[in-house]
N, C-alpha and C. Protein backbone atom coordinates (compact mmCIF):
# COMPACT_ATOMS: atom_id res chain seq x y z
N UNK A 1 -17.63 27.13 12.75
CA UNK A 1 -18.40 28.15 13.77
C UNK A 1 -17.00 28.48 14.80
N UNK A 2 -16.60 29.28 14.83
CA UNK A 2 -15.79 29.46 15.94
C UNK A 2 -15.67 30.69 16.95
N UNK A 3 -15.28 30.26 17.91
CA UNK A 3 -15.02 31.61 19.04
C UNK A 3 -14.13 32.23 18.63
N UNK A 4 -14.34 33.66 18.38
CA UNK A 4 -13.04 34.65 17.86
C UNK A 4 -12.36 35.24 19.23
N UNK A 5 -10.91 35.22 19.23
CA UNK A 5 -10.15 36.18 20.50
C UNK A 5 -9.35 36.75 19.09
N UNK A 6 -9.50 37.81 19.33
CA UNK A 6 -9.00 38.54 18.20
C UNK A 6 -7.86 39.45 19.00
N UNK A 7 -7.67 39.54 20.22
CA UNK A 7 -6.54 40.03 20.45
C UNK A 7 -5.81 39.57 20.55
N UNK A 8 -5.81 37.97 21.03
CA UNK A 8 -5.17 36.81 21.20
C UNK A 8 -4.46 36.44 19.40
N UNK A 9 -4.94 36.59 18.37
CA UNK A 9 -4.86 36.02 17.21
C UNK A 9 -5.64 35.16 17.16
N UNK A 10 -6.44 34.41 17.43
CA UNK A 10 -7.11 32.65 17.73
C UNK A 10 -8.32 32.63 17.86
N UNK A 11 -8.28 31.45 17.06
CA UNK A 11 -10.12 30.85 16.80
C UNK A 11 -10.10 29.61 16.88
N UNK A 12 -11.32 29.32 18.16
CA UNK A 12 -11.36 27.78 18.51
C UNK A 12 -13.10 27.47 17.81
N UNK A 13 -12.56 26.35 17.00
CA UNK A 13 -13.73 25.50 16.66
C UNK A 13 -14.48 25.24 17.70
N UNK A 14 -16.14 25.54 17.48
CA UNK A 14 -16.71 24.67 18.66
C UNK A 14 -16.60 23.69 19.09
N UNK A 15 -15.85 22.82 17.95
CA UNK A 15 -16.22 21.18 18.05
C UNK A 15 -14.53 20.84 18.87
N UNK A 16 -13.88 21.59 19.00
CA UNK A 16 -12.59 21.50 19.37
C UNK A 16 -12.82 21.21 20.86
N UNK A 17 -13.33 21.73 21.97
CA UNK A 17 -13.61 21.66 23.04
C UNK A 17 -13.93 19.86 23.69
N UNK A 18 -15.44 19.87 22.46
CA UNK A 18 -16.04 18.18 22.78
C UNK A 18 -14.79 17.27 22.27
N UNK A 19 -14.01 17.71 21.12
CA UNK A 19 -13.15 16.69 20.65
C UNK A 19 -12.45 16.56 21.72
N UNK A 20 -12.01 17.41 22.69
CA UNK A 20 -10.64 16.97 23.89
C UNK A 20 -11.30 16.45 24.88
N UNK A 21 -12.85 16.60 25.15
CA UNK A 21 -13.36 15.72 26.50
C UNK A 21 -13.72 14.35 25.95
N UNK A 22 -13.73 13.97 24.54
CA UNK A 22 -13.80 12.76 23.81
C UNK A 22 -12.79 12.11 24.17
N UNK A 23 -11.59 12.92 23.74
CA UNK A 23 -10.55 11.84 23.98
C UNK A 23 -9.51 12.05 25.56
N UNK A 24 -10.20 12.37 26.03
CA UNK A 24 -10.12 12.60 27.35
C UNK A 24 -10.65 11.42 27.93
N UNK A 25 -11.81 11.11 27.74
CA UNK A 25 -12.49 9.93 28.29
C UNK A 25 -12.34 8.63 27.35
N UNK A 26 -12.18 8.83 26.14
CA UNK A 26 -11.58 7.55 25.53
C UNK A 26 -10.28 7.23 26.04
N UNK A 27 -9.30 8.20 26.43
CA UNK A 27 -8.02 7.31 26.47
C UNK A 27 -7.12 7.84 27.39
N UNK A 28 -8.08 8.50 28.34
CA UNK A 28 -7.74 9.03 29.70
C UNK A 28 -6.81 10.02 30.03
N UNK A 29 -6.45 10.91 31.04
CA UNK A 29 -5.88 11.96 31.39
C UNK A 29 -4.52 12.12 31.31
N UNK A 30 -3.61 10.92 30.93
CA UNK A 30 -2.32 10.80 30.32
C UNK A 30 -1.85 10.81 29.71
N UNK A 31 -2.67 10.44 29.02
CA UNK A 31 -1.95 9.53 27.53
C UNK A 31 -2.57 11.01 26.23
N UNK A 32 -3.82 11.67 27.04
CA UNK A 32 -4.62 12.65 26.27
C UNK A 32 -3.34 14.05 26.66
N UNK A 33 -3.12 14.08 27.30
CA UNK A 33 -1.63 15.21 27.77
C UNK A 33 -0.64 14.61 27.13
N UNK A 34 -0.18 13.29 26.86
CA UNK A 34 0.81 13.24 26.08
C UNK A 34 0.85 13.45 24.25
N UNK A 35 -0.78 13.07 24.09
CA UNK A 35 -0.86 13.53 22.59
C UNK A 35 -0.89 15.18 22.61
N UNK A 36 -1.19 15.83 23.54
CA UNK A 36 -1.47 17.08 23.75
C UNK A 36 0.17 18.38 23.47
N UNK A 37 0.97 16.91 24.13
CA UNK A 37 2.46 17.82 24.41
C UNK A 37 2.85 17.64 23.14
N UNK A 38 2.44 16.25 22.23
CA UNK A 38 3.15 16.34 21.08
C UNK A 38 2.55 17.18 19.76
N UNK A 39 1.45 17.07 19.97
CA UNK A 39 0.59 18.66 18.86
C UNK A 39 1.43 19.80 19.13
N UNK A 40 1.50 20.16 20.66
CA UNK A 40 2.32 21.58 21.12
C UNK A 40 3.92 21.29 19.96
N UNK A 41 4.13 20.69 20.72
CA UNK A 41 5.76 20.69 20.09
C UNK A 41 5.67 20.82 18.63
N UNK A 42 4.38 20.00 18.15
CA UNK A 42 4.71 20.27 16.24
C UNK A 42 4.46 21.67 16.35
N UNK A 43 3.49 22.23 16.91
CA UNK A 43 3.01 23.71 16.34
C UNK A 43 3.94 24.74 16.90
N UNK A 44 4.51 24.32 18.06
CA UNK A 44 6.08 25.13 18.60
C UNK A 44 7.12 24.82 17.05
N UNK A 45 7.38 23.65 16.53
CA UNK A 45 8.48 23.86 15.75
C UNK A 45 8.34 24.39 14.26
N UNK A 46 6.65 24.97 14.28
CA UNK A 46 6.39 26.04 12.60
C UNK A 46 6.65 27.13 13.35
N UNK A 47 5.86 27.56 14.97
CA UNK A 47 6.48 28.96 15.35
C UNK A 47 7.70 29.37 15.46
N UNK A 48 9.13 28.24 15.73
CA UNK A 48 10.41 28.23 15.89
C UNK A 48 10.91 28.80 14.39
N UNK A 49 10.46 28.27 13.62
CA UNK A 49 10.60 28.35 11.52
C UNK A 49 10.00 29.73 11.74
N UNK A 50 9.07 30.02 12.29
CA UNK A 50 8.21 31.59 11.62
C UNK A 50 9.27 32.55 11.98
N UNK A 51 10.15 32.26 13.61
CA UNK A 51 10.49 33.39 14.38
C UNK A 51 11.40 33.51 13.69
N UNK A 52 12.48 32.24 13.29
CA UNK A 52 13.69 32.22 12.46
C UNK A 52 13.92 32.99 11.01
N UNK A 53 12.61 33.37 10.33
CA UNK A 53 12.47 33.55 8.87
C UNK A 53 11.84 34.96 9.35
N UNK A 54 11.34 35.54 10.24
CA UNK A 54 10.71 36.75 10.68
C UNK A 54 9.41 36.80 10.10
N UNK A 55 8.64 36.08 10.48
CA UNK A 55 7.40 35.89 9.68
C UNK A 55 6.36 35.92 10.78
N UNK A 56 5.61 36.83 10.89
CA UNK A 56 4.53 37.02 12.20
C UNK A 56 3.39 36.40 12.00
N UNK A 57 2.86 36.00 12.53
CA UNK A 57 1.86 34.79 12.58
C UNK A 57 0.75 35.89 12.34
N UNK A 58 -0.39 35.34 11.65
CA UNK A 58 -1.68 35.83 11.72
C UNK A 58 -3.11 35.78 12.24
N UNK A 59 -2.80 34.70 12.72
CA UNK A 59 -3.86 33.75 13.22
C UNK A 59 -3.33 32.40 13.78
N UNK A 60 -4.21 31.60 14.74
CA UNK A 60 -4.03 30.49 15.01
C UNK A 60 -5.07 29.58 14.90
N UNK A 61 -6.08 28.83 14.58
CA UNK A 61 -7.21 28.50 14.09
C UNK A 61 -6.81 26.51 14.87
N UNK A 62 -8.07 26.89 16.01
CA UNK A 62 -7.46 25.36 16.56
C UNK A 62 -9.17 24.37 16.49
N UNK A 63 -9.21 23.44 15.95
CA UNK A 63 -10.48 22.70 15.39
C UNK A 63 -10.13 21.31 15.74
N UNK A 64 -10.77 20.47 16.06
CA UNK A 64 -10.63 19.27 16.56
C UNK A 64 -9.60 18.11 16.09
N UNK A 65 -9.35 18.63 14.63
CA UNK A 65 -8.08 17.85 13.98
C UNK A 65 -6.66 18.32 14.31
N UNK A 66 -6.69 19.39 14.97
CA UNK A 66 -5.04 20.03 15.29
C UNK A 66 -5.16 21.48 15.32
N UNK A 67 -4.28 22.15 14.92
CA UNK A 67 -4.16 23.73 14.74
C UNK A 67 -3.53 24.07 13.34
N UNK A 68 -3.84 25.18 12.69
CA UNK A 68 -3.51 25.82 11.25
C UNK A 68 -2.88 27.35 11.85
N UNK A 69 -1.32 27.22 11.84
CA UNK A 69 -1.11 28.36 12.02
C UNK A 69 -0.75 29.22 10.80
N UNK A 70 -1.46 30.42 10.54
CA UNK A 70 -1.59 30.90 9.11
C UNK A 70 -0.66 32.52 9.67
N UNK A 71 -0.10 32.46 8.48
CA UNK A 71 1.40 33.40 8.57
C UNK A 71 1.23 34.03 6.41
N UNK A 72 1.31 35.30 6.67
CA UNK A 72 1.63 35.73 4.87
C UNK A 72 2.96 34.57 4.70
N UNK A 73 3.00 33.68 3.54
CA UNK A 73 4.10 33.55 3.21
C UNK A 73 4.17 34.48 1.78
N UNK A 74 3.45 35.15 1.57
CA UNK A 74 3.77 35.80 -0.01
C UNK A 74 5.34 36.81 0.98
N UNK A 75 5.32 37.16 2.02
CA UNK A 75 6.89 37.55 3.06
C UNK A 75 8.11 37.19 2.92
N UNK A 76 8.03 35.46 2.26
CA UNK A 76 9.06 34.95 2.51
C UNK A 76 9.18 33.91 1.10
N UNK A 77 10.28 33.14 1.02
CA UNK A 77 11.06 32.65 0.11
C UNK A 77 10.11 31.03 -0.01
N UNK A 78 10.36 30.54 -0.96
CA UNK A 78 9.78 28.92 -1.03
C UNK A 78 10.32 28.19 -0.45
N UNK A 79 11.52 28.56 0.09
CA UNK A 79 12.48 28.06 0.87
C UNK A 79 12.07 28.41 2.34
N UNK A 80 11.70 29.26 2.74
CA UNK A 80 11.57 29.57 4.35
C UNK A 80 9.83 28.68 4.30
N UNK A 81 9.10 29.06 3.50
CA UNK A 81 7.75 28.42 3.28
C UNK A 81 7.79 26.62 3.52
N UNK A 82 9.22 26.69 2.97
CA UNK A 82 9.37 24.72 3.29
C UNK A 82 9.76 24.43 4.52
N UNK A 83 10.81 25.19 4.70
CA UNK A 83 10.84 24.95 5.78
C UNK A 83 10.40 25.14 7.38
N UNK A 84 9.28 26.27 6.80
CA UNK A 84 8.26 25.99 7.96
C UNK A 84 7.24 24.84 7.99
N UNK A 85 6.95 24.49 7.15
CA UNK A 85 5.99 23.51 6.84
C UNK A 85 6.67 22.31 7.37
N UNK A 86 8.36 22.02 7.45
CA UNK A 86 8.41 20.87 7.25
C UNK A 86 9.04 20.83 9.26
N UNK A 87 9.01 21.69 9.92
CA UNK A 87 9.36 22.38 11.21
C UNK A 87 8.81 21.73 12.13
N UNK A 88 7.29 21.73 11.94
CA UNK A 88 5.89 21.07 12.87
C UNK A 88 6.80 19.33 12.97
N UNK A 89 7.21 18.61 11.50
CA UNK A 89 7.43 17.23 11.66
C UNK A 89 8.14 17.15 12.34
N UNK A 90 9.52 18.00 12.01
CA UNK A 90 11.22 17.76 12.06
C UNK A 90 10.89 17.75 14.27
N UNK A 91 9.75 18.94 14.73
CA UNK A 91 10.03 18.82 16.04
C UNK A 91 9.65 17.34 16.37
N UNK A 92 8.56 16.91 15.41
CA UNK A 92 8.09 15.63 16.44
C UNK A 92 9.47 14.44 16.19
N UNK A 93 10.12 14.47 15.20
CA UNK A 93 11.12 13.33 14.83
C UNK A 93 12.28 13.74 15.98
N UNK A 94 12.58 15.02 16.34
CA UNK A 94 13.27 15.27 17.24
C UNK A 94 12.80 14.50 18.72
N UNK A 95 11.61 15.37 19.21
CA UNK A 95 11.39 14.55 20.19
C UNK A 95 11.56 13.11 20.06
N UNK A 96 10.79 12.11 19.45
CA UNK A 96 11.04 10.95 19.22
C UNK A 96 12.68 10.52 19.29
N UNK A 97 12.92 11.16 18.48
CA UNK A 97 14.63 10.43 18.30
C UNK A 97 15.22 10.52 20.05
N UNK A 98 14.70 11.67 21.04
CA UNK A 98 15.46 11.78 22.30
C UNK A 98 15.02 10.96 23.01
N UNK A 99 13.53 10.62 23.25
CA UNK A 99 12.72 9.22 23.86
C UNK A 99 13.16 8.40 23.58
N UNK A 100 13.27 7.95 22.42
CA UNK A 100 13.38 6.39 22.00
C UNK A 100 14.69 5.68 22.65
N UNK A 101 15.25 6.24 23.32
CA UNK A 101 16.72 5.06 23.92
C UNK A 101 15.78 4.92 25.19
N UNK A 102 15.08 5.49 25.76
CA UNK A 102 14.41 5.05 26.81
C UNK A 102 12.38 4.34 26.93
N UNK A 103 12.11 4.35 25.68
CA UNK A 103 10.68 3.65 25.02
C UNK A 103 10.10 2.60 26.05
N UNK A 104 10.61 1.63 26.28
CA UNK A 104 10.44 0.37 26.94
C UNK A 104 10.34 0.77 28.32
N UNK A 105 10.60 1.69 28.51
CA UNK A 105 10.81 1.63 30.18
C UNK A 105 9.43 2.55 30.46
N UNK A 106 8.45 2.70 29.58
CA UNK A 106 7.14 2.78 30.35
C UNK A 106 6.07 2.96 29.14
N UNK A 107 5.30 2.59 29.16
CA UNK A 107 4.02 2.36 28.19
C UNK A 107 3.56 3.99 27.92
N UNK A 108 3.64 4.79 28.83
CA UNK A 108 3.55 6.16 28.46
C UNK A 108 4.16 6.10 28.00
N UNK A 109 5.85 6.54 28.16
CA UNK A 109 6.68 7.15 27.54
C UNK A 109 6.34 6.54 25.44
N UNK A 110 6.83 5.29 25.68
CA UNK A 110 6.05 4.42 24.26
C UNK A 110 4.72 5.18 23.47
N UNK A 111 3.86 5.51 24.62
CA UNK A 111 2.53 6.25 24.03
C UNK A 111 3.10 7.73 23.21
N UNK A 112 3.93 8.40 24.34
CA UNK A 112 4.64 9.37 23.37
C UNK A 112 5.41 9.49 22.24
N UNK A 113 5.87 8.61 22.33
CA UNK A 113 7.00 8.25 21.16
C UNK A 113 6.42 7.93 19.76
N UNK A 114 4.89 7.15 20.10
CA UNK A 114 4.29 6.43 18.85
C UNK A 114 3.52 7.82 18.42
N UNK A 115 3.20 8.92 19.50
CA UNK A 115 1.82 9.70 19.27
C UNK A 115 3.15 10.79 18.51
N UNK A 116 4.35 11.28 18.74
CA UNK A 116 5.31 12.13 17.69
C UNK A 116 5.70 11.58 16.71
N UNK A 117 5.68 10.18 16.31
CA UNK A 117 5.89 9.42 14.70
C UNK A 117 4.66 9.25 14.14
N UNK A 118 3.61 9.10 14.76
CA UNK A 118 1.99 9.28 14.02
C UNK A 118 1.92 10.81 13.38
N UNK A 119 2.02 11.95 14.21
CA UNK A 119 2.05 13.35 13.60
C UNK A 119 2.79 13.67 12.73
N UNK A 120 4.32 13.27 12.87
CA UNK A 120 5.04 13.42 11.85
C UNK A 120 4.77 12.88 10.42
N UNK A 121 4.16 11.19 11.17
CA UNK A 121 4.06 10.63 9.45
C UNK A 121 3.09 11.38 8.94
N UNK A 122 1.72 11.78 9.51
CA UNK A 122 0.27 12.40 8.83
C UNK A 122 0.64 13.88 8.41
N UNK A 123 1.46 14.22 8.92
CA UNK A 123 1.76 15.84 8.64
C UNK A 123 2.77 15.83 7.48
N UNK A 124 3.29 14.52 6.94
CA UNK A 124 4.34 14.74 6.21
C UNK A 124 4.21 13.78 4.71
N UNK A 125 2.69 13.52 5.06
CA UNK A 125 1.72 13.22 3.53
C UNK A 125 1.45 14.16 2.90
N UNK A 126 2.14 13.35 1.80
CA UNK A 126 2.34 14.96 0.45
C UNK A 126 0.99 15.28 0.04
N UNK A 127 -0.16 15.78 0.93
CA UNK A 127 -1.47 16.19 0.81
C UNK A 127 -1.64 17.46 1.02
N UNK A 128 -2.14 18.07 -0.36
CA UNK A 128 -2.74 19.48 0.21
C UNK A 128 -2.57 19.99 1.82
N UNK A 129 -3.58 19.53 2.40
CA UNK A 129 -4.14 20.23 3.39
C UNK A 129 -3.48 20.00 4.41
N UNK A 130 -1.94 19.24 4.12
CA UNK A 130 -1.34 19.02 5.69
C UNK A 130 0.37 19.27 5.48
N UNK A 131 1.04 19.80 5.74
CA UNK A 131 2.33 20.17 6.04
C UNK A 131 3.10 20.01 4.61
N UNK A 132 2.80 18.31 4.96
CA UNK A 132 3.92 17.89 3.30
C UNK A 132 3.27 17.70 2.27
N UNK A 133 1.98 18.52 2.60
CA UNK A 133 1.06 19.14 0.83
C UNK A 133 2.43 20.49 0.52
N UNK A 134 2.36 21.10 1.62
CA UNK A 134 2.89 22.45 1.56
C UNK A 134 4.08 22.30 1.00
N UNK A 135 4.44 21.30 1.70
CA UNK A 135 6.54 21.34 1.01
C UNK A 135 6.86 20.79 0.34
N UNK A 136 5.67 19.93 -0.90
CA UNK A 136 5.78 19.62 -2.09
C UNK A 136 5.71 20.39 -2.79
N UNK A 137 5.01 21.48 -2.63
CA UNK A 137 4.25 22.69 -3.75
C UNK A 137 5.63 23.14 -3.75
N UNK A 138 6.55 23.37 -2.36
CA UNK A 138 6.96 24.45 -2.06
C UNK A 138 8.89 23.54 -3.33
N UNK A 139 8.69 22.56 -2.96
CA UNK A 139 9.67 21.94 -3.69
C UNK A 139 9.50 22.07 -5.38
N UNK A 140 8.48 21.21 -5.52
CA UNK A 140 7.80 21.70 -7.09
C UNK A 140 8.18 22.56 -7.57
N UNK A 141 7.70 23.79 -7.24
CA UNK A 141 7.40 24.93 -6.97
C UNK A 141 8.82 25.54 -7.76
N UNK A 142 10.10 25.60 -7.38
CA UNK A 142 11.38 25.62 -7.41
C UNK A 142 11.87 25.15 -8.80
N UNK A 143 11.38 23.80 -9.46
CA UNK A 143 11.55 23.44 -10.95
C UNK A 143 10.71 23.15 -11.72
N UNK A 144 9.28 23.80 -11.17
CA UNK A 144 8.14 23.77 -12.55
C UNK A 144 7.21 25.71 -12.28
N UNK A 145 6.88 25.58 -13.08
CA UNK A 145 5.99 26.66 -13.20
C UNK A 145 4.93 26.76 -12.04
N UNK A 146 4.28 27.52 -11.68
CA UNK A 146 3.48 27.57 -10.43
C UNK A 146 2.16 27.01 -10.60
N UNK A 147 1.85 26.92 -11.78
CA UNK A 147 0.44 26.31 -12.43
C UNK A 147 0.68 24.42 -12.48
N UNK A 148 1.70 24.49 -12.81
CA UNK A 148 2.15 22.88 -13.03
C UNK A 148 2.62 22.18 -11.80
N UNK A 149 2.98 23.04 -10.40
CA UNK A 149 3.66 22.55 -9.74
C UNK A 149 2.21 22.78 -8.89
N UNK A 150 1.47 23.29 -8.66
CA UNK A 150 0.30 23.03 -7.57
C UNK A 150 -0.73 22.03 -8.17
N UNK A 151 -0.42 21.52 -9.95
CA UNK A 151 -1.60 20.38 -10.53
C UNK A 151 -0.64 19.13 -10.41
N UNK A 152 0.37 18.91 -10.03
CA UNK A 152 1.00 18.04 -9.93
C UNK A 152 0.58 17.57 -8.34
N UNK A 153 1.20 18.24 -7.01
CA UNK A 153 0.55 18.37 -6.01
C UNK A 153 -0.80 18.11 -5.72
N UNK A 154 -1.85 18.86 -6.66
CA UNK A 154 -3.23 17.83 -6.42
C UNK A 154 -3.26 16.94 -6.79
N UNK A 155 -2.37 16.13 -7.80
CA UNK A 155 -2.25 14.85 -8.13
C UNK A 155 -1.76 13.65 -7.29
N UNK A 156 -0.56 14.02 -6.77
CA UNK A 156 -0.06 13.04 -5.81
C UNK A 156 -0.73 13.31 -4.83
N UNK A 157 -1.63 14.16 -4.07
CA UNK A 157 -2.04 14.24 -2.84
C UNK A 157 -3.16 13.18 -3.06
N UNK A 158 -4.13 13.18 -4.30
CA UNK A 158 -5.53 12.26 -4.64
C UNK A 158 -4.72 11.18 -4.47
N UNK A 159 -3.66 11.04 -5.32
CA UNK A 159 -3.11 9.48 -5.60
C UNK A 159 -2.84 8.50 -4.26
N UNK A 160 -2.06 9.26 -3.78
CA UNK A 160 -1.90 8.82 -1.80
C UNK A 160 -2.75 8.70 -1.12
N UNK A 161 -3.64 9.89 -0.76
CA UNK A 161 -4.97 9.50 -0.55
C UNK A 161 -5.92 8.25 -0.73
N UNK A 162 -5.69 8.12 -2.34
CA UNK A 162 -6.50 7.06 -2.67
C UNK A 162 -6.08 5.44 -2.14
N UNK A 163 -4.14 5.41 -2.29
CA UNK A 163 -3.77 4.38 -2.01
C UNK A 163 -3.47 3.85 -0.50
N UNK A 164 -3.41 5.03 0.42
CA UNK A 164 -4.10 5.14 1.47
C UNK A 164 -5.00 4.04 2.41
N UNK A 165 -6.06 4.22 1.77
CA UNK A 165 -7.66 4.65 1.78
C UNK A 165 -7.80 3.05 1.09
N UNK A 166 -6.91 2.81 0.25
CA UNK A 166 -7.27 1.12 0.00
C UNK A 166 -6.59 0.33 0.67
N UNK A 167 -5.32 0.50 1.19
CA UNK A 167 -4.75 -0.24 1.85
C UNK A 167 -5.69 -0.37 3.21
N UNK A 168 -5.79 0.74 3.97
CA UNK A 168 -6.91 0.95 5.41
C UNK A 168 -8.24 -0.46 5.01
N UNK A 169 -8.53 0.25 3.63
CA UNK A 169 -10.11 -0.84 3.52
C UNK A 169 -9.26 -2.10 3.08
N UNK A 170 -8.60 -2.60 2.96
CA UNK A 170 -7.62 -4.05 2.49
C UNK A 170 -7.45 -4.60 3.75
N UNK A 171 -7.00 -3.49 5.22
CA UNK A 171 -6.77 -4.21 6.40
C UNK A 171 -7.76 -4.24 7.28
N UNK A 172 -8.80 -2.91 7.27
CA UNK A 172 -10.06 -3.63 7.94
C UNK A 172 -11.18 -4.69 7.33
N UNK A 173 -10.74 -5.14 6.57
CA UNK A 173 -11.40 -6.39 5.43
C UNK A 173 -10.91 -7.65 6.52
N UNK A 174 -9.60 -8.22 6.37
CA UNK A 174 -8.58 -8.53 6.99
C UNK A 174 -8.60 -8.84 8.03
N UNK A 175 -8.63 -8.08 9.13
CA UNK A 175 -8.86 -7.63 10.21
C UNK A 175 -10.65 -8.26 11.24
N UNK A 176 -11.25 -7.63 9.63
CA UNK A 176 -12.64 -7.91 10.01
C UNK A 176 -13.52 -6.82 11.13
N UNK A 177 -13.01 -5.64 11.21
CA UNK A 177 -13.51 -4.71 11.20
C UNK A 177 -13.43 -3.32 10.64
N UNK A 178 -14.48 -3.76 9.33
CA UNK A 178 -14.53 -2.97 8.36
C UNK A 178 -15.04 -1.61 8.71
N UNK A 179 -15.85 -1.04 9.40
CA UNK A 179 -16.40 -0.03 9.70
C UNK A 179 -15.92 1.38 10.27
N UNK A 180 -14.35 0.62 11.17
CA UNK A 180 -13.87 1.53 11.62
C UNK A 180 -12.60 1.90 10.54
N UNK A 181 -12.20 1.22 9.62
CA UNK A 181 -11.30 1.43 8.72
C UNK A 181 -11.91 1.88 7.61
N UNK A 182 -13.18 1.92 6.87
CA UNK A 182 -14.03 2.42 6.49
C UNK A 182 -14.30 3.68 6.74
N UNK A 183 -14.57 4.59 8.30
CA UNK A 183 -14.51 5.83 8.29
C UNK A 183 -13.17 6.24 8.49
N UNK A 184 -11.92 5.62 8.90
CA UNK A 184 -10.68 6.26 8.81
C UNK A 184 -10.63 6.87 7.29
N UNK A 185 -10.97 5.26 6.23
CA UNK A 185 -10.36 5.37 4.91
C UNK A 185 -11.10 7.01 4.79
N UNK A 186 -12.69 7.05 5.03
CA UNK A 186 -13.47 8.36 4.11
C UNK A 186 -12.60 9.86 4.29
N UNK A 187 -12.24 9.79 5.95
CA UNK A 187 -11.24 10.64 6.66
C UNK A 187 -10.24 11.43 5.52
N UNK A 188 -9.44 9.94 5.29
CA UNK A 188 -8.08 10.43 4.98
C UNK A 188 -8.32 10.73 3.38
N UNK A 189 -9.34 10.31 2.30
CA UNK A 189 -9.67 10.25 1.03
C UNK A 189 -10.15 12.09 1.31
N UNK A 190 -10.72 12.28 2.17
CA UNK A 190 -11.51 13.71 2.51
C UNK A 190 -10.53 15.16 2.77
N UNK A 191 -9.27 14.06 3.35
CA UNK A 191 -8.27 15.29 3.43
C UNK A 191 -7.21 15.59 2.41
N UNK A 192 -7.00 14.22 1.66
CA UNK A 192 -6.74 14.50 0.72
C UNK A 192 -7.06 14.81 -0.57
N UNK A 193 -8.08 15.04 -0.28
CA UNK A 193 -8.84 15.88 -1.48
C UNK A 193 -9.00 16.86 -1.70
N UNK A 194 -8.70 17.99 -0.28
CA UNK A 194 -9.15 19.37 -0.12
C UNK A 194 -7.89 20.27 -0.66
């Protein structure tokens, strides 16, 4: 369920605003602002790469887990599509590296560094629903037939999701917080199997 703003090429999930207020309530205003800034840097990286390859934006979807920028990837090469997929995490890594020398001076700057690192790591996981899956698909498509590349990407996506979920479950058991890790594992498995 989305609120649609056709002139802005924007769709906003009806759950995005409650997720924002929940984050605001749980984390406070400054960490929420820093997390949103890291997310905007990520999406800005994608937009910058799209602009560099002259790819028009079809639509932006905002949902509780982030944003999805849709463009017509049939208009670009595999290399361009790969760069667009990497550009979001690349922007987060650049922000992380720029802020790293001053990270210990402020807990909020450290939070911003960690948020950028987390977004880069998460989005580079080779899962089909994430940028890393798109990047892996682009790389494999250069060396394999399309169907074989998609099958390989799907297998890698599922295997890495199961490995990470298993690791989180083991950590949850060791830390005696199984419910939290179980929930996170379920989310990761769902994302990896998309």
